[in-house]
Amino acid sequence: MLTLFRKNISKYGIYYLFLLPFIIPFIIFLVYPLINAFIYSFHKFNLSTYKFVGLQNYIEIFGEPLFRRAILTTCFFVIGAVPPILFITIFLSAILIKLNDKMRTIFVGIYYLPTVTSIVTFTLAWKWIYNYRYGILNFIVRLLGYENINWLSNKYTVIPSITVMLIYAGIGVPIILYISAMAGIPQTLYDSAMIDGATDWQILWKITVPLIMPTTLYLLITLTIAMFQVFIFVLLMTGGGPYYRTTTISYLMIQEAFTDSNFGISSAIGIIFLVIIAGLALVQYKYFSKEIEY
């Protein structure tokens, strides 16, 4: 084994050298903090104490109602945002792919704009849309003859309100990837389907959707991870309220660390968070991955 390792180093050493600019930051900023977080999760760690407590942090977390509420809220955002983003972007991409290059570029730029906009600017703009007195949404509500709705302070409307914002924020990248994937499907498949009398709807769901499944799998995994990591949107829109209704796992983890200085608890939440995301990614990959041949 050692001899094989030395042979590989002597033969491919120069290639490993070119990987160092990536490997070194990866170890410093990901591997090392992850190992430290795992160690801290077994300690009572705050500004004045560093003491080994075993599984006590994990027991305390699972016994905390707020943690269970945070998991439920995070799942609401994932389920409420990821499937609509995928369905909307598939439909829009199927329309945009038929446009000429100039028109397609204009519309893709419009849909991609939220992705390149500052997340703070984007969130504050949506906060004004939902503003109780001056927001454009309540202006429309008043035109329809109804009273203003407190979108971000009502426990029944706050999660749908943020979910709509997350959907709009998340459609930019999927549209670009789906258009690229659709452009790679041979035109002969569509021509054959049209000769057989297939409708546009049948072509979309029987040919296009199955053939772009690798792209869908990639987006499903990355969007799920992104929605699990929702933090800044919640921080700026609601601060986790009302009544902890929008407190996500990420928000709770950061609050425990930087507001309450419970670094051990925060690290334990992070490890649980990692296990949940990794497990979901593996399940999604197992059930949605398949080889595609044209």
Protein backbone atom coordinates (compact mmCIF):
# COMPACT_ATOMS: atom_id res chain seq x y z
CA MET A 1 0.00 0.00 0.00
CA LEU A 2 2.77 2.44 0.97
CA THR A 3 4.74 1.52 -2.15
CA LEU A 4 1.69 2.15 -4.34
CA PHE A 5 1.16 5.52 -2.64
CA ARG A 6 4.78 6.54 -3.27
CA LYS A 7 4.54 5.41 -6.88
CA ASN A 8 1.40 7.52 -7.40
CA ILE A 9 3.04 10.54 -5.79
CA SER A 10 6.15 10.21 -7.94
CA LYS A 11 4.08 9.71 -11.09
CA TYR A 12 1.23 12.17 -10.53
CA GLY A 13 2.79 14.56 -8.01
CA ILE A 14 2.70 17.52 -10.37
CA TYR A 15 -1.07 17.06 -10.85
CA TYR A 16 -1.67 17.00 -7.10
CA LEU A 17 0.36 20.21 -6.88
CA PHE A 18 -2.12 21.97 -9.16
CA LEU A 19 -4.94 20.82 -6.88
CA LEU A 20 -3.42 22.48 -3.80
CA PRO A 21 -5.08 25.91 -4.39
CA PHE A 22 -8.39 24.09 -3.99
CA ILE A 23 -7.44 21.46 -1.41
CA ILE A 24 -5.85 23.86 1.11
CA PRO A 25 -8.87 26.22 1.41
CA PHE A 26 -11.17 23.17 1.42
CA ILE A 27 -9.33 21.74 4.45
CA ILE A 28 -9.02 25.07 6.26
CA PHE A 29 -12.54 26.39 5.72
CA LEU A 30 -14.60 23.17 5.55
CA VAL A 31 -12.91 20.06 6.91
CA TYR A 32 -11.26 21.69 9.95
CA PRO A 33 -14.41 23.61 11.06
CA LEU A 34 -16.50 20.48 10.55
CA ILE A 35 -14.20 18.40 12.76
CA ASN A 36 -14.19 21.16 15.39
CA ALA A 37 -18.00 21.42 15.29
CA PHE A 38 -18.27 17.67 15.82
CA ILE A 39 -15.95 17.92 18.87
CA TYR A 40 -17.71 21.00 20.28
CA SER A 41 -21.08 19.26 19.99
CA PHE A 42 -20.07 16.99 22.88
CA HIS A 43 -19.06 19.91 25.12
CA LYS A 44 -20.81 22.58 27.10
CA PHE A 45 -19.10 25.46 25.36
CA ASN A 46 -19.82 29.13 25.98
CA LEU A 47 -17.84 32.27 26.80
CA SER A 48 -16.96 31.01 30.29
CA THR A 49 -17.17 27.20 30.13
CA TYR A 50 -15.65 24.39 28.08
CA LYS A 51 -16.63 21.07 29.58
CA PHE A 52 -17.26 17.60 28.13
CA VAL A 53 -20.92 16.60 28.54
CA GLY A 54 -21.21 13.66 26.12
CA LEU A 55 -24.60 13.43 24.42
CA GLN A 56 -26.23 15.97 26.72
CA ASN A 57 -26.40 18.66 24.02
CA TYR A 58 -28.18 16.30 21.64
CA ILE A 59 -30.61 15.18 24.34
CA GLU A 60 -31.36 18.80 25.19
CA ILE A 61 -31.91 19.72 21.55
CA PHE A 62 -34.33 16.89 20.80
CA GLY A 63 -36.23 17.73 23.96
CA GLU A 64 -36.60 21.38 22.96
CA PRO A 65 -39.99 22.25 21.38
CA LEU A 66 -38.42 25.16 19.50
CA PHE A 67 -36.05 22.79 17.69
CA ARG A 68 -38.96 20.61 16.57
CA ARG A 69 -40.79 23.74 15.44
CA ALA A 70 -37.69 24.83 13.49
CA ILE A 71 -37.50 21.46 11.70
CA LEU A 72 -41.20 21.70 10.80
CA THR A 73 -40.83 25.27 9.52
CA THR A 74 -37.79 24.35 7.45
CA CYS A 75 -39.71 21.42 5.92
CA PHE A 76 -42.57 23.80 5.06
CA PHE A 77 -40.16 26.02 3.14
CA VAL A 78 -38.56 23.05 1.35
CA ILE A 79 -41.85 21.42 0.37
CA GLY A 80 -43.52 24.74 -0.42
CA ALA A 81 -40.70 26.13 -2.58
CA VAL A 82 -38.71 23.33 -4.27
CA PRO A 83 -41.48 21.52 -6.25
CA PRO A 84 -43.07 24.81 -7.48
CA ILE A 85 -39.65 26.11 -8.59
CA LEU A 86 -39.03 22.93 -10.60
CA PHE A 87 -42.49 22.88 -12.21
CA ILE A 88 -42.51 26.62 -12.99
CA THR A 89 -39.02 26.63 -14.47
CA ILE A 90 -39.67 23.54 -16.63
CA PHE A 91 -42.78 25.21 -18.02
CA LEU A 92 -41.07 28.58 -18.59
CA SER A 93 -37.99 26.95 -20.13
CA ALA A 94 -40.17 24.97 -22.55
CA ILE A 95 -41.67 28.28 -23.70
CA LEU A 96 -38.40 30.24 -23.82
CA ILE A 97 -36.55 27.56 -25.79
CA LYS A 98 -38.93 28.21 -28.70
CA LEU A 99 -38.19 31.95 -28.84
CA ASN A 100 -35.50 33.53 -30.97
CA ASP A 101 -32.12 34.16 -29.36
CA LYS A 102 -32.71 37.87 -28.69
CA MET A 103 -36.08 37.45 -26.99
CA ARG A 104 -34.85 34.43 -25.02
CA THR A 105 -31.85 36.39 -23.72
CA ILE A 106 -34.09 39.25 -22.58
CA PHE A 107 -36.49 37.01 -20.67
CA VAL A 108 -33.71 34.86 -19.16
CA GLY A 109 -32.03 38.07 -17.98
CA ILE A 110 -35.27 39.19 -16.32
CA TYR A 111 -35.74 35.88 -14.53
CA TYR A 112 -32.06 35.70 -13.55
CA LEU A 113 -32.00 39.24 -12.13
CA PRO A 114 -32.94 38.21 -8.53
CA THR A 115 -29.98 35.81 -8.49
CA VAL A 116 -27.41 38.56 -9.12
CA THR A 117 -29.16 41.14 -6.94
CA SER A 118 -27.87 41.66 -3.41
CA ILE A 119 -29.81 39.33 -1.15
CA VAL A 120 -30.31 42.17 1.36
CA THR A 121 -31.67 44.51 -1.33
CA PHE A 122 -33.91 41.78 -2.70
CA THR A 123 -35.30 40.89 0.73
CA LEU A 124 -35.95 44.50 1.74
CA ALA A 125 -37.77 45.10 -1.55
CA TRP A 126 -40.08 42.18 -0.79
CA LYS A 127 -40.52 43.46 2.75
CA TRP A 128 -41.88 46.70 1.29
CA ILE A 129 -44.18 44.71 -1.00
CA TYR A 130 -45.63 43.07 2.13
CA ASN A 131 -45.69 46.33 4.15
CA TYR A 132 -48.94 46.66 6.08
CA ARG A 133 -49.65 50.31 5.23
CA TYR A 134 -47.71 51.14 2.07
CA GLY A 135 -47.07 47.78 0.41
CA ILE A 136 -48.26 47.25 -3.15
CA LEU A 137 -49.85 43.94 -2.18
CA ASN A 138 -52.14 45.58 0.37
CA PHE A 139 -52.84 48.35 -2.16
CA ILE A 140 -54.25 45.66 -4.47
CA VAL A 141 -56.15 44.12 -1.54
CA ARG A 142 -57.77 47.50 -0.81
CA LEU A 143 -58.71 47.93 -4.47
CA LEU A 144 -60.57 44.62 -4.21
CA GLY A 145 -62.53 46.00 -1.27
CA TYR A 146 -60.82 44.13 1.57
CA GLU A 147 -58.92 45.34 4.63
CA ASN A 148 -55.14 45.35 4.83
CA ILE A 149 -53.47 42.05 5.71
CA ASN A 150 -50.47 41.91 8.02
CA TRP A 151 -48.61 39.44 5.82
CA LEU A 152 -45.47 39.08 7.95
CA SER A 153 -47.03 39.28 11.42
CA ASN A 154 -49.93 36.91 10.96
CA LYS A 155 -49.01 33.33 11.84
CA TYR A 156 -51.24 32.00 9.06
CA THR A 157 -49.85 34.14 6.22
CA VAL A 158 -46.18 34.56 7.13
CA ILE A 159 -44.90 31.17 5.88
CA PRO A 160 -46.78 31.36 2.53
CA SER A 161 -45.55 34.95 2.10
CA ILE A 162 -41.89 34.02 2.57
CA THR A 163 -42.35 30.88 0.44
CA VAL A 164 -43.58 32.98 -2.50
CA MET A 165 -40.48 35.17 -2.16
CA LEU A 166 -38.22 32.09 -2.06
CA ILE A 167 -39.84 30.73 -5.23
CA TYR A 168 -39.24 34.00 -7.07
CA ALA A 169 -35.66 34.16 -5.80
CA GLY A 170 -34.95 30.59 -6.86
CA ILE A 171 -36.06 30.44 -10.51
CA GLY A 172 -33.05 32.13 -12.15
CA VAL A 173 -30.47 29.34 -12.18
CA PRO A 174 -32.94 26.49 -12.93
CA ILE A 175 -34.22 28.30 -16.03
CA ILE A 176 -30.70 28.62 -17.45
CA LEU A 177 -29.87 24.98 -16.71
CA TYR A 178 -33.15 23.69 -18.09
CA ILE A 179 -32.81 25.69 -21.31
CA SER A 180 -29.30 24.29 -21.77
CA ALA A 181 -30.56 20.75 -21.13
CA MET A 182 -33.50 21.14 -23.53
CA ALA A 183 -31.23 22.54 -26.22
CA GLY A 184 -29.25 19.29 -26.10
CA ILE A 185 -32.25 17.07 -26.90
CA PRO A 186 -32.16 15.95 -30.55
CA GLN A 187 -34.80 17.65 -32.69
CA THR A 188 -35.52 14.35 -34.43
CA LEU A 189 -37.28 13.09 -31.28
CA TYR A 190 -39.69 16.03 -31.39
CA ASP A 191 -40.23 15.64 -35.13
CA SER A 192 -41.09 11.96 -34.72
CA ALA A 193 -43.55 12.74 -31.92
CA MET A 194 -45.29 15.44 -33.99
CA ILE A 195 -45.58 13.06 -36.96
CA ASP A 196 -47.28 10.59 -34.59
CA GLY A 197 -49.76 13.31 -33.61
CA ALA A 198 -48.46 14.13 -30.12
CA THR A 199 -49.62 17.42 -28.61
CA ASP A 200 -47.23 20.01 -27.12
CA TRP A 201 -48.26 18.92 -23.64
CA GLN A 202 -47.56 15.25 -24.41
CA ILE A 203 -44.19 16.13 -25.95
CA LEU A 204 -43.25 18.12 -22.85
CA TRP A 205 -44.13 15.41 -20.30
CA LYS A 206 -43.34 12.29 -22.33
CA ILE A 207 -40.11 13.40 -24.04
CA THR A 208 -38.64 16.59 -22.56
CA VAL A 209 -39.18 15.96 -18.86
CA PRO A 210 -37.72 12.41 -18.84
CA LEU A 211 -34.69 13.49 -20.89
CA ILE A 212 -33.83 16.40 -18.59
CA MET A 213 -34.06 14.22 -15.47
CA PRO A 214 -30.30 14.51 -14.68
CA THR A 215 -30.69 18.30 -14.55
CA THR A 216 -33.82 17.92 -12.44
CA LEU A 217 -31.96 15.67 -10.01
CA TYR A 218 -29.13 18.20 -9.67
CA LEU A 219 -31.60 21.04 -9.09
CA LEU A 220 -33.68 18.98 -6.66
CA ILE A 221 -30.64 18.32 -4.48
CA THR A 222 -29.16 21.84 -4.65
CA LEU A 223 -32.50 23.59 -4.13
CA THR A 224 -33.34 21.35 -1.18
CA ILE A 225 -29.99 22.21 0.43
CA ALA A 226 -30.52 25.91 -0.31
CA MET A 227 -34.00 25.94 1.24
CA PHE A 228 -32.70 24.13 4.32
CA GLN A 229 -30.11 26.90 4.69
CA VAL A 230 -32.59 29.78 4.56
CA PHE A 231 -31.38 32.36 7.05
CA ILE A 232 -30.97 35.93 5.77
CA PHE A 233 -34.48 36.02 4.30
CA VAL A 234 -35.93 35.09 7.69
CA LEU A 235 -33.59 37.39 9.62
CA LEU A 236 -34.53 40.47 7.59
CA MET A 237 -38.20 39.70 7.01
CA THR A 238 -39.43 38.44 10.38
CA GLY A 239 -36.52 37.82 12.76
CA GLY A 240 -37.88 34.31 13.31
CA GLY A 241 -41.36 35.50 14.34
CA PRO A 242 -44.21 35.76 14.84
CA TYR A 243 -44.21 33.35 17.79
CA TYR A 244 -41.12 31.56 16.34
CA ARG A 245 -43.29 30.66 13.35
CA THR A 246 -40.49 31.29 10.83
CA THR A 247 -37.55 30.11 12.93
CA THR A 248 -35.63 27.68 10.70
CA ILE A 249 -32.87 25.27 11.68
CA SER A 250 -30.23 27.62 10.26
CA TYR A 251 -31.70 30.60 12.10
CA LEU A 252 -31.85 28.67 15.39
CA MET A 253 -28.29 27.40 14.97
CA ILE A 254 -26.87 30.89 14.37
CA GLN A 255 -29.00 32.37 17.16
CA GLU A 256 -27.69 29.81 19.65
CA ALA A 257 -24.09 30.61 18.66
CA PHE A 258 -24.00 34.37 18.22
CA THR A 259 -26.90 35.58 20.35
CA ASP A 260 -26.92 33.13 23.27
CA SER A 261 -23.23 32.06 23.01
CA ASN A 262 -24.18 28.37 23.30
CA PHE A 263 -21.52 27.14 20.92
CA GLY A 264 -21.88 23.51 21.98
CA ILE A 265 -25.63 23.51 21.34
CA SER A 266 -25.12 25.33 18.05
CA SER A 267 -22.50 22.79 16.94
CA ALA A 268 -24.81 19.91 17.80
CA ILE A 269 -27.61 21.50 15.75
CA GLY A 270 -25.14 21.88 12.88
CA ILE A 271 -24.18 18.20 13.02
CA ILE A 272 -27.84 17.15 13.06
CA PHE A 273 -28.44 19.55 10.19
CA LEU A 274 -25.62 17.96 8.21
CA VAL A 275 -26.99 14.44 8.76
CA ILE A 276 -30.49 15.49 7.66
CA ILE A 277 -29.28 17.18 4.45
CA ALA A 278 -26.89 14.34 3.58
CA GLY A 279 -29.63 11.76 4.16
CA LEU A 280 -32.11 13.63 1.97
CA ALA A 281 -29.53 14.06 -0.79
CA LEU A 282 -28.78 10.33 -0.78
CA VAL A 283 -32.47 9.42 -0.89
CA GLN A 284 -33.11 11.86 -3.75
CA TYR A 285 -30.12 10.53 -5.67
CA LYS A 286 -31.22 6.92 -5.19
CA TYR A 287 -34.79 7.40 -6.38
CA PHE A 288 -34.35 10.05 -9.10
CA SER A 289 -31.01 9.22 -10.71
CA LYS A 290 -30.98 7.26 -13.93
CA GLU A 291 -28.92 6.99 -17.09
CA ILE A 292 -30.27 8.92 -20.05
CA GLU A 293 -29.57 7.91 -23.65
CA TYR A 294 -30.84 9.82 -26.69
